[in-house]
Amino acid sequence: MKELETRVVDIDVDDIRRKMQELGAEKVKEEYQINNIYDFEDNRLLNSKGYARIRITDDRLNNKEVVYMTTKKMLSQGTFKVMEENETVVEDKEAAEKIFLSLGLSLKQSIKKYRESYKLKDSLIEIDINDKSFCPFPYLEIETVSEERLEEILDLLGYTLKDTTSKTIYELLEERGLANGDGKGL
């Protein structure tokens, strides 16, 4: 599956929540995540802006734990970050970890995050608040179908295309002198 996404950083979380409510957006996720990032010893996936991940979610809307096994690879980086994503729900997180380890991958980083997601105009708007030791600023991730739809959503939220970035979290952290991992793909 291809994923078109962009970010708006340094958001006012309460303001975004208020706007989502005013716009009648449907809240589709409220979860705490642990994102375990895997790569080979030479970091070839992260160095090419990709990764393997096991995500453990504490789904607060449905009161259950869900575990995802994912690989991502960046295809292009313009207005949107275009990612190839392969993801499946797994029943056994230990087995998922053993699969990655048996392929020669090792755990590179474990990142904790709170995520709130909304559906609006065939798009997904996600508020991400990471553990401050990893990323001290909240941001929006917007996944949508076209630049026109993105501009429409941004306008509703009080932003413009100039407020967006397709940079990875690691690129943003590095720009701010906050990089604390060797990853390049998130």
N, C-alpha and C. Protein backbone atom coordinates (compact mmCIF):
# COMPACT_ATOMS: atom_id res chain seq x y z
N MET A 1 0.83 -1.18 0.00
CA MET A 1 0.00 0.00 0.00
C MET A 1 0.88 1.24 0.00
N LYS A 2 0.51 2.25 -0.78
CA LYS A 2 1.22 3.53 -0.76
C LYS A 2 0.51 4.46 0.20
N GLU A 3 1.31 5.26 0.89
CA GLU A 3 0.78 6.17 1.90
C GLU A 3 1.30 7.57 1.58
N LEU A 4 0.38 8.53 1.38
CA LEU A 4 0.75 9.94 1.16
C LEU A 4 0.57 10.66 2.48
N GLU A 5 1.67 11.15 3.05
CA GLU A 5 1.53 11.84 4.33
C GLU A 5 2.43 13.06 4.41
N THR A 6 1.99 14.01 5.23
CA THR A 6 2.77 15.20 5.51
C THR A 6 2.54 15.58 6.97
N ARG A 7 3.36 16.48 7.47
CA ARG A 7 3.27 16.86 8.88
C ARG A 7 3.16 18.37 9.04
N VAL A 8 2.54 18.75 10.16
CA VAL A 8 2.57 20.12 10.66
C VAL A 8 3.13 19.99 12.07
N VAL A 9 4.24 20.68 12.35
CA VAL A 9 4.90 20.51 13.65
C VAL A 9 4.58 21.68 14.57
N ASP A 10 4.87 21.46 15.86
CA ASP A 10 4.66 22.49 16.89
C ASP A 10 3.22 22.96 16.94
N ILE A 11 2.30 22.02 16.97
CA ILE A 11 0.87 22.35 16.97
C ILE A 11 0.37 22.66 18.38
N ASP A 12 -0.75 23.34 18.44
CA ASP A 12 -1.48 23.55 19.70
C ASP A 12 -2.50 22.41 19.76
N VAL A 13 -2.23 21.41 20.57
CA VAL A 13 -3.05 20.20 20.62
C VAL A 13 -4.50 20.51 20.98
N ASP A 14 -4.71 21.33 21.98
CA ASP A 14 -6.08 21.65 22.40
C ASP A 14 -6.84 22.36 21.28
N ASP A 15 -6.18 23.25 20.55
CA ASP A 15 -6.81 23.96 19.43
C ASP A 15 -7.21 22.97 18.33
N ILE A 16 -6.34 22.03 18.02
CA ILE A 16 -6.65 21.03 16.98
C ILE A 16 -7.83 20.17 17.43
N ARG A 17 -7.83 19.74 18.67
CA ARG A 17 -8.96 18.93 19.19
C ARG A 17 -10.28 19.71 19.07
N ARG A 18 -10.24 20.98 19.43
CA ARG A 18 -11.44 21.82 19.35
C ARG A 18 -11.92 21.92 17.91
N LYS A 19 -10.99 22.14 16.98
CA LYS A 19 -11.36 22.26 15.56
C LYS A 19 -11.91 20.93 15.03
N MET A 20 -11.34 19.82 15.44
CA MET A 20 -11.84 18.51 15.00
C MET A 20 -13.29 18.34 15.44
N GLN A 21 -13.56 18.74 16.68
CA GLN A 21 -14.92 18.63 17.21
C GLN A 21 -15.87 19.55 16.43
N GLU A 22 -15.46 20.80 16.22
CA GLU A 22 -16.29 21.77 15.50
C GLU A 22 -16.58 21.32 14.07
N LEU A 23 -15.61 20.64 13.44
CA LEU A 23 -15.76 20.19 12.06
C LEU A 23 -16.53 18.87 11.96
N GLY A 24 -16.84 18.28 13.10
CA GLY A 24 -17.57 17.02 13.09
C GLY A 24 -16.72 15.83 12.67
N ALA A 25 -15.42 15.94 12.86
CA ALA A 25 -14.53 14.83 12.50
C ALA A 25 -14.80 13.64 13.42
N GLU A 26 -14.67 12.45 12.87
CA GLU A 26 -14.88 11.23 13.64
C GLU A 26 -13.57 10.80 14.29
N LYS A 27 -13.58 10.66 15.61
CA LYS A 27 -12.39 10.17 16.32
C LYS A 27 -12.31 8.66 16.10
N VAL A 28 -11.22 8.22 15.46
CA VAL A 28 -11.10 6.80 15.12
C VAL A 28 -10.01 6.09 15.91
N LYS A 29 -9.14 6.85 16.57
CA LYS A 29 -8.08 6.24 17.39
C LYS A 29 -7.79 7.10 18.59
N GLU A 30 -7.53 6.44 19.68
CA GLU A 30 -6.94 7.06 20.85
C GLU A 30 -6.11 5.96 21.48
N GLU A 31 -4.79 6.09 21.34
CA GLU A 31 -3.96 4.98 21.76
C GLU A 31 -2.59 5.42 22.26
N TYR A 32 -2.08 4.59 23.13
CA TYR A 32 -0.68 4.71 23.54
C TYR A 32 0.07 3.63 22.78
N GLN A 33 1.21 4.00 22.23
CA GLN A 33 1.97 3.08 21.40
C GLN A 33 3.38 2.89 21.93
N ILE A 34 3.89 1.70 21.69
CA ILE A 34 5.32 1.44 21.80
C ILE A 34 5.73 1.00 20.41
N ASN A 35 6.62 1.77 19.80
CA ASN A 35 7.09 1.49 18.45
C ASN A 35 8.51 0.97 18.52
N ASN A 36 8.68 -0.32 18.29
CA ASN A 36 9.99 -0.94 18.30
C ASN A 36 10.52 -0.99 16.87
N ILE A 37 11.60 -0.25 16.64
CA ILE A 37 12.18 -0.09 15.31
C ILE A 37 13.34 -1.06 15.14
N TYR A 38 13.30 -1.83 14.05
CA TYR A 38 14.32 -2.85 13.77
C TYR A 38 15.03 -2.53 12.47
N ASP A 39 16.30 -2.93 12.41
CA ASP A 39 17.08 -2.78 11.19
C ASP A 39 18.23 -3.77 11.26
N PHE A 40 18.95 -3.88 10.16
CA PHE A 40 20.16 -4.69 10.12
C PHE A 40 21.27 -3.94 10.85
N GLU A 41 22.35 -4.63 11.16
CA GLU A 41 23.46 -4.01 11.89
C GLU A 41 24.01 -2.79 11.16
N ASP A 42 24.02 -2.83 9.81
CA ASP A 42 24.57 -1.71 9.04
C ASP A 42 23.55 -0.58 8.81
N ASN A 43 22.36 -0.70 9.41
CA ASN A 43 21.30 0.31 9.31
C ASN A 43 20.84 0.59 7.88
N ARG A 44 20.90 -0.40 7.03
CA ARG A 44 20.57 -0.16 5.62
C ARG A 44 19.12 0.27 5.41
N LEU A 45 18.21 -0.19 6.23
CA LEU A 45 16.80 0.23 6.07
C LEU A 45 16.63 1.70 6.49
N LEU A 46 17.11 2.02 7.67
CA LEU A 46 16.99 3.40 8.17
C LEU A 46 17.77 4.38 7.29
N ASN A 47 18.93 3.97 6.82
CA ASN A 47 19.73 4.86 5.97
C ASN A 47 19.05 5.16 4.63
N SER A 48 18.14 4.27 4.21
CA SER A 48 17.39 4.52 2.97
C SER A 48 15.95 4.95 3.29
N LYS A 49 15.77 5.50 4.50
CA LYS A 49 14.49 6.05 4.95
C LYS A 49 13.38 5.01 4.97
N GLY A 50 13.72 3.85 5.53
CA GLY A 50 12.74 2.80 5.73
C GLY A 50 13.00 2.16 7.07
N TYR A 51 12.18 1.18 7.42
CA TYR A 51 12.40 0.45 8.67
C TYR A 51 11.46 -0.73 8.77
N ALA A 52 11.74 -1.58 9.73
CA ALA A 52 10.83 -2.64 10.14
C ALA A 52 10.39 -2.27 11.55
N ARG A 53 9.10 -2.53 11.85
CA ARG A 53 8.58 -2.07 13.14
C ARG A 53 7.59 -3.07 13.71
N ILE A 54 7.63 -3.19 15.02
CA ILE A 54 6.56 -3.85 15.76
C ILE A 54 5.94 -2.78 16.64
N ARG A 55 4.66 -2.52 16.42
CA ARG A 55 3.94 -1.49 17.18
C ARG A 55 2.95 -2.19 18.11
N ILE A 56 3.08 -1.89 19.38
CA ILE A 56 2.16 -2.41 20.39
C ILE A 56 1.27 -1.25 20.81
N THR A 57 -0.03 -1.39 20.59
CA THR A 57 -0.94 -0.29 20.90
C THR A 57 -1.88 -0.66 22.04
N ASP A 58 -2.08 0.30 22.90
CA ASP A 58 -3.09 0.21 23.95
C ASP A 58 -4.25 1.05 23.41
N ASP A 59 -5.19 0.38 22.75
CA ASP A 59 -6.32 1.01 22.08
C ASP A 59 -7.34 1.42 23.14
N ARG A 60 -7.41 2.74 23.42
CA ARG A 60 -8.28 3.25 24.48
C ARG A 60 -9.75 3.33 24.05
N LEU A 61 -10.01 3.40 22.75
CA LEU A 61 -11.41 3.47 22.30
C LEU A 61 -12.08 2.11 22.40
N ASN A 62 -11.31 1.04 22.15
CA ASN A 62 -11.87 -0.31 22.16
C ASN A 62 -11.38 -1.16 23.33
N ASN A 63 -10.57 -0.55 24.20
CA ASN A 63 -10.08 -1.21 25.40
C ASN A 63 -9.42 -2.56 25.11
N LYS A 64 -8.42 -2.54 24.20
CA LYS A 64 -7.72 -3.77 23.88
C LYS A 64 -6.31 -3.45 23.38
N GLU A 65 -5.46 -4.46 23.44
CA GLU A 65 -4.11 -4.32 22.90
C GLU A 65 -4.11 -4.89 21.48
N VAL A 66 -3.48 -4.15 20.57
CA VAL A 66 -3.33 -4.61 19.19
C VAL A 66 -1.86 -4.47 18.84
N VAL A 67 -1.31 -5.51 18.18
CA VAL A 67 0.10 -5.52 17.80
C VAL A 67 0.18 -5.58 16.27
N TYR A 68 0.98 -4.67 15.71
CA TYR A 68 1.17 -4.59 14.26
C TYR A 68 2.62 -4.89 13.92
N MET A 69 2.82 -5.61 12.83
CA MET A 69 4.15 -5.86 12.29
C MET A 69 4.18 -5.13 10.94
N THR A 70 5.18 -4.27 10.75
CA THR A 70 5.18 -3.35 9.61
C THR A 70 6.56 -3.22 9.00
N THR A 71 6.59 -3.04 7.68
CA THR A 71 7.80 -2.54 7.02
C THR A 71 7.38 -1.30 6.23
N LYS A 72 8.29 -0.32 6.22
CA LYS A 72 8.05 0.90 5.45
C LYS A 72 9.30 1.24 4.67
N LYS A 73 9.08 1.82 3.49
CA LYS A 73 10.19 2.28 2.64
C LYS A 73 9.74 3.56 1.95
N MET A 74 10.58 4.60 2.03
CA MET A 74 10.23 5.85 1.38
C MET A 74 10.41 5.72 -0.13
N LEU A 75 9.38 6.15 -0.86
CA LEU A 75 9.43 6.13 -2.33
C LEU A 75 9.78 7.51 -2.88
N SER A 76 9.26 8.57 -2.23
CA SER A 76 9.59 9.93 -2.65
C SER A 76 9.27 10.89 -1.51
N GLN A 77 9.81 12.11 -1.63
CA GLN A 77 9.67 13.10 -0.57
C GLN A 77 9.55 14.48 -1.19
N GLY A 78 8.29 14.91 -1.46
CA GLY A 78 8.03 16.25 -1.99
C GLY A 78 7.09 16.95 -1.02
N THR A 79 5.92 17.40 -1.53
CA THR A 79 4.90 17.95 -0.64
C THR A 79 4.49 16.87 0.36
N PHE A 80 4.42 15.64 -0.15
CA PHE A 80 4.09 14.48 0.67
C PHE A 80 5.31 13.59 0.79
N LYS A 81 5.33 12.85 1.87
CA LYS A 81 6.23 11.72 2.00
C LYS A 81 5.44 10.55 1.43
N VAL A 82 5.93 9.91 0.37
CA VAL A 82 5.25 8.76 -0.21
C VAL A 82 5.98 7.51 0.26
N MET A 83 5.24 6.71 1.03
CA MET A 83 5.83 5.52 1.63
C MET A 83 5.14 4.27 1.11
N GLU A 84 5.94 3.23 0.89
CA GLU A 84 5.37 1.91 0.66
C GLU A 84 5.26 1.28 2.04
N GLU A 85 4.05 0.87 2.39
CA GLU A 85 3.83 0.30 3.71
C GLU A 85 3.22 -1.09 3.59
N ASN A 86 3.79 -2.03 4.31
CA ASN A 86 3.24 -3.37 4.42
C ASN A 86 3.03 -3.63 5.90
N GLU A 87 1.76 -3.90 6.26
CA GLU A 87 1.45 -4.02 7.68
C GLU A 87 0.41 -5.11 7.90
N THR A 88 0.56 -5.81 9.01
CA THR A 88 -0.43 -6.80 9.40
C THR A 88 -0.56 -6.84 10.91
N VAL A 89 -1.75 -7.17 11.39
CA VAL A 89 -1.96 -7.38 12.82
C VAL A 89 -1.42 -8.77 13.15
N VAL A 90 -0.70 -8.86 14.26
CA VAL A 90 -0.16 -10.16 14.68
C VAL A 90 -0.73 -10.53 16.05
N GLU A 91 -0.88 -11.81 16.26
CA GLU A 91 -1.43 -12.29 17.53
C GLU A 91 -0.39 -12.41 18.62
N ASP A 92 0.88 -12.57 18.22
CA ASP A 92 1.93 -12.89 19.19
C ASP A 92 3.12 -11.96 18.98
N LYS A 93 3.26 -10.96 19.87
CA LYS A 93 4.35 -9.98 19.70
C LYS A 93 5.73 -10.62 19.85
N GLU A 94 5.85 -11.63 20.70
CA GLU A 94 7.14 -12.31 20.85
C GLU A 94 7.52 -13.05 19.56
N ALA A 95 6.54 -13.69 18.92
CA ALA A 95 6.82 -14.37 17.65
C ALA A 95 7.21 -13.36 16.57
N ALA A 96 6.53 -12.22 16.56
CA ALA A 96 6.87 -11.17 15.58
C ALA A 96 8.32 -10.73 15.76
N GLU A 97 8.70 -10.51 17.02
CA GLU A 97 10.08 -10.11 17.30
C GLU A 97 11.06 -11.20 16.85
N LYS A 98 10.74 -12.45 17.11
CA LYS A 98 11.61 -13.57 16.71
C LYS A 98 11.75 -13.65 15.19
N ILE A 99 10.68 -13.33 14.47
CA ILE A 99 10.75 -13.33 13.00
C ILE A 99 11.77 -12.28 12.54
N PHE A 100 11.65 -11.05 13.06
CA PHE A 100 12.61 -10.01 12.68
C PHE A 100 14.03 -10.40 13.06
N LEU A 101 14.21 -10.92 14.26
CA LEU A 101 15.55 -11.32 14.71
C LEU A 101 16.11 -12.45 13.84
N SER A 102 15.25 -13.40 13.46
CA SER A 102 15.72 -14.53 12.63
C SER A 102 16.13 -14.08 11.23
N LEU A 103 15.62 -12.93 10.80
CA LEU A 103 16.00 -12.37 9.50
C LEU A 103 17.30 -11.55 9.58
N GLY A 104 17.85 -11.45 10.79
CA GLY A 104 19.10 -10.70 10.97
C GLY A 104 18.89 -9.26 11.40
N LEU A 105 17.67 -8.88 11.72
CA LEU A 105 17.39 -7.53 12.21
C LEU A 105 17.64 -7.47 13.71
N SER A 106 17.91 -6.28 14.22
CA SER A 106 18.03 -6.11 15.66
C SER A 106 17.24 -4.87 16.06
N LEU A 107 16.84 -4.84 17.32
CA LEU A 107 16.08 -3.70 17.84
C LEU A 107 17.01 -2.49 17.91
N LYS A 108 16.62 -1.41 17.24
CA LYS A 108 17.43 -0.19 17.21
C LYS A 108 16.92 0.87 18.18
N GLN A 109 15.59 0.93 18.34
CA GLN A 109 15.02 1.98 19.17
C GLN A 109 13.61 1.58 19.57
N SER A 110 13.21 1.98 20.76
CA SER A 110 11.85 1.78 21.24
C SER A 110 11.30 3.15 21.59
N ILE A 111 10.22 3.55 20.91
CA ILE A 111 9.69 4.90 21.02
C ILE A 111 8.25 4.84 21.54
N LYS A 112 7.98 5.59 22.60
CA LYS A 112 6.63 5.65 23.16
C LYS A 112 5.93 6.90 22.64
N LYS A 113 4.64 6.72 22.32
CA LYS A 113 3.89 7.82 21.72
C LYS A 113 2.41 7.70 22.09
N TYR A 114 1.76 8.87 22.23
CA TYR A 114 0.31 8.94 22.33
C TYR A 114 -0.19 9.43 20.98
N ARG A 115 -1.23 8.78 20.45
CA ARG A 115 -1.79 9.19 19.16
C ARG A 115 -3.31 9.25 19.25
N GLU A 116 -3.82 10.34 18.71
CA GLU A 116 -5.26 10.55 18.57
C GLU A 116 -5.51 10.77 17.10
N SER A 117 -6.44 10.03 16.51
CA SER A 117 -6.67 10.12 15.06
C SER A 117 -8.12 10.43 14.74
N TYR A 118 -8.29 11.22 13.70
CA TYR A 118 -9.61 11.64 13.26
C TYR A 118 -9.76 11.42 11.76
N LYS A 119 -10.96 11.05 11.34
CA LYS A 119 -11.31 10.96 9.93
C LYS A 119 -12.06 12.23 9.55
N LEU A 120 -11.61 12.86 8.46
CA LEU A 120 -12.25 14.07 7.96
C LEU A 120 -12.00 14.15 6.46
N LYS A 121 -13.07 14.25 5.69
CA LYS A 121 -12.96 14.42 4.24
C LYS A 121 -12.05 13.35 3.61
N ASP A 122 -12.36 12.09 3.88
CA ASP A 122 -11.60 10.95 3.33
C ASP A 122 -10.12 10.99 3.67
N SER A 123 -9.79 11.65 4.77
CA SER A 123 -8.39 11.79 5.18
C SER A 123 -8.25 11.42 6.65
N LEU A 124 -7.02 11.14 7.04
CA LEU A 124 -6.71 10.80 8.42
C LEU A 124 -5.85 11.92 8.99
N ILE A 125 -6.31 12.52 10.08
CA ILE A 125 -5.56 13.58 10.76
C ILE A 125 -5.18 13.03 12.12
N GLU A 126 -3.87 12.95 12.37
CA GLU A 126 -3.39 12.33 13.59
C GLU A 126 -2.58 13.31 14.43
N ILE A 127 -2.94 13.39 15.70
CA ILE A 127 -2.17 14.18 16.67
C ILE A 127 -1.19 13.22 17.31
N ASP A 128 0.09 13.50 17.18
CA ASP A 128 1.13 12.65 17.77
C ASP A 128 1.86 13.42 18.87
N ILE A 129 1.93 12.79 20.04
CA ILE A 129 2.68 13.34 21.17
C ILE A 129 3.63 12.24 21.62
N ASN A 130 4.90 12.39 21.26
CA ASN A 130 5.91 11.40 21.60
C ASN A 130 6.43 11.61 23.02
N ASP A 131 7.04 10.58 23.55
CA ASP A 131 7.79 10.70 24.79
C ASP A 131 8.77 11.85 24.58
N LYS A 132 8.79 12.80 25.50
CA LYS A 132 9.60 14.02 25.33
C LYS A 132 11.09 13.72 25.19
N SER A 133 11.55 12.59 25.71
CA SER A 133 12.97 12.25 25.57
C SER A 133 13.32 11.92 24.12
N PHE A 134 12.32 11.58 23.31
CA PHE A 134 12.56 11.30 21.89
C PHE A 134 12.26 12.52 21.04
N CYS A 135 11.05 13.09 21.21
CA CYS A 135 10.62 14.23 20.39
C CYS A 135 9.80 15.16 21.26
N PRO A 136 10.33 16.34 21.60
CA PRO A 136 9.68 17.22 22.57
C PRO A 136 8.52 18.06 22.04
N PHE A 137 8.21 17.97 20.74
CA PHE A 137 7.14 18.80 20.20
C PHE A 137 6.02 17.93 19.62
N PRO A 138 4.75 18.35 19.83
CA PRO A 138 3.63 17.61 19.23
C PRO A 138 3.49 17.99 17.75
N TYR A 139 2.92 17.10 16.97
CA TYR A 139 2.73 17.38 15.55
C TYR A 139 1.50 16.67 15.02
N LEU A 140 1.07 17.14 13.86
CA LEU A 140 0.00 16.50 13.11
C LEU A 140 0.61 15.69 11.99
N GLU A 141 0.06 14.52 11.75
CA GLU A 141 0.34 13.79 10.53
C GLU A 141 -0.96 13.75 9.76
N ILE A 142 -0.91 14.14 8.51
CA ILE A 142 -2.11 14.13 7.67
C ILE A 142 -1.87 13.18 6.51
N GLU A 143 -2.71 12.17 6.42
CA GLU A 143 -2.68 11.23 5.31
C GLU A 143 -3.91 11.50 4.46
N THR A 144 -3.68 11.81 3.18
CA THR A 144 -4.81 12.16 2.31
C THR A 144 -4.52 11.71 0.89
N VAL A 145 -5.47 11.97 0.00
CA VAL A 145 -5.41 11.41 -1.35
C VAL A 145 -4.78 12.34 -2.38
N SER A 146 -4.74 13.65 -2.10
CA SER A 146 -4.24 14.59 -3.11
C SER A 146 -3.80 15.89 -2.45
N GLU A 147 -3.05 16.68 -3.21
CA GLU A 147 -2.62 17.98 -2.71
C GLU A 147 -3.81 18.92 -2.52
N GLU A 148 -4.82 18.80 -3.39
CA GLU A 148 -6.01 19.64 -3.28
C GLU A 148 -6.75 19.33 -1.97
N ARG A 149 -6.89 18.06 -1.66
CA ARG A 149 -7.57 17.68 -0.42
C ARG A 149 -6.75 18.14 0.79
N LEU A 150 -5.42 18.02 0.68
CA LEU A 150 -4.55 18.48 1.76
C LEU A 150 -4.76 19.97 2.01
N GLU A 151 -4.78 20.77 0.93
CA GLU A 151 -4.96 22.22 1.07
C GLU A 151 -6.31 22.53 1.72
N GLU A 152 -7.35 21.78 1.36
CA GLU A 152 -8.68 21.98 1.94
C GLU A 152 -8.65 21.71 3.45
N ILE A 153 -8.02 20.62 3.86
CA ILE A 153 -7.93 20.26 5.28
C ILE A 153 -7.09 21.28 6.04
N LEU A 154 -5.96 21.66 5.46
CA LEU A 154 -5.10 22.65 6.11
C LEU A 154 -5.85 23.95 6.34
N ASP A 155 -6.62 24.38 5.34
CA ASP A 155 -7.38 25.62 5.46
C ASP A 155 -8.39 25.51 6.61
N LEU A 156 -9.06 24.37 6.72
CA LEU A 156 -10.02 24.17 7.81
C LEU A 156 -9.35 24.23 9.18
N LEU A 157 -8.08 23.82 9.23
CA LEU A 157 -7.35 23.80 10.50
C LEU A 157 -6.55 25.07 10.76
N GLY A 158 -6.57 26.01 9.79
CA GLY A 158 -5.88 27.28 9.98
C GLY A 158 -4.42 27.25 9.56
N TYR A 159 -4.07 26.33 8.66
CA TYR A 159 -2.70 26.22 8.17
C TYR A 159 -2.69 26.36 6.66
N THR A 160 -1.47 26.47 6.10
CA THR A 160 -1.28 26.47 4.65
C THR A 160 -0.22 25.42 4.31
N LEU A 161 -0.01 25.20 3.02
CA LEU A 161 1.03 24.26 2.59
C LEU A 161 2.40 24.65 3.13
N LYS A 162 2.63 25.95 3.32
CA LYS A 162 3.92 26.41 3.84
C LYS A 162 4.17 25.92 5.27
N ASP A 163 3.11 25.56 5.98
CA ASP A 163 3.24 25.06 7.36
C ASP A 163 3.55 23.57 7.41
N THR A 164 3.55 22.91 6.25
CA THR A 164 3.74 21.46 6.24
C THR A 164 5.19 21.09 5.92
N THR A 165 5.52 19.85 6.25
CA THR A 165 6.82 19.31 5.88
C THR A 165 6.68 17.83 5.60
N SER A 166 7.46 17.35 4.65
CA SER A 166 7.50 15.91 4.38
C SER A 166 8.73 15.29 5.03
N LYS A 167 9.45 16.10 5.80
CA LYS A 167 10.65 15.59 6.47
C LYS A 167 10.27 14.52 7.48
N THR A 168 11.19 13.58 7.67
CA THR A 168 10.97 12.55 8.68
C THR A 168 11.18 13.17 10.05
N ILE A 169 10.69 12.49 11.07
CA ILE A 169 10.90 12.97 12.44
C ILE A 169 12.39 13.09 12.72
N TYR A 170 13.17 12.12 12.26
CA TYR A 170 14.62 12.18 12.50
C TYR A 170 15.25 13.39 11.83
N GLU A 171 14.80 13.74 10.62
CA GLU A 171 15.32 14.93 9.95
C GLU A 171 14.95 16.20 10.74
N LEU A 172 13.72 16.25 11.24
CA LEU A 172 13.29 17.41 12.03
C LEU A 172 14.08 17.53 13.33
N LEU A 173 14.29 16.39 13.99
CA LEU A 173 15.07 16.41 15.23
C LEU A 173 16.51 16.84 14.96
N GLU A 174 17.08 16.34 13.87
CA GLU A 174 18.46 16.71 13.53
C GLU A 174 18.56 18.21 13.25
N GLU A 175 17.60 18.76 12.51
CA GLU A 175 17.56 20.20 12.23
C GLU A 175 17.57 21.04 13.50
N ARG A 176 16.91 20.54 14.53
CA ARG A 176 16.79 21.26 15.79
C ARG A 176 17.88 20.88 16.79
N GLY A 177 18.83 20.06 16.35
CA GLY A 177 19.91 19.64 17.24
C GLY A 177 19.44 18.70 18.33
N LEU A 178 18.36 17.94 18.04
CA LEU A 178 17.77 17.06 19.04
C LEU A 178 17.89 15.58 18.68
N ALA A 179 18.56 15.25 17.59
CA ALA A 179 18.64 13.86 17.14
C ALA A 179 19.30 13.00 18.21
N ASN A 180 18.62 11.92 18.55
CA ASN A 180 19.18 11.01 19.55
C ASN A 180 19.08 9.55 19.11
N GLY A 181 18.90 9.35 17.84
CA GLY A 181 18.84 7.99 17.31
C GLY A 181 19.59 7.94 16.01
N ASP A 182 19.75 6.73 15.48
CA ASP A 182 20.47 6.61 14.22
C ASP A 182 19.50 6.37 13.07
N GLY A 183 18.20 6.54 13.33
CA GLY A 183 17.22 6.28 12.30
C GLY A 183 17.03 7.46 11.36
N LYS A 184 16.48 7.16 10.19
CA LYS A 184 16.24 8.20 9.20
C LYS A 184 14.84 8.15 8.62
N GLY A 185 14.03 7.15 8.96
CA GLY A 185 12.83 6.91 8.19
C GLY A 185 11.49 7.28 8.80
N LEU A 186 11.41 7.65 10.05
CA LEU A 186 10.08 7.88 10.65
C LEU A 186 9.50 9.21 10.25
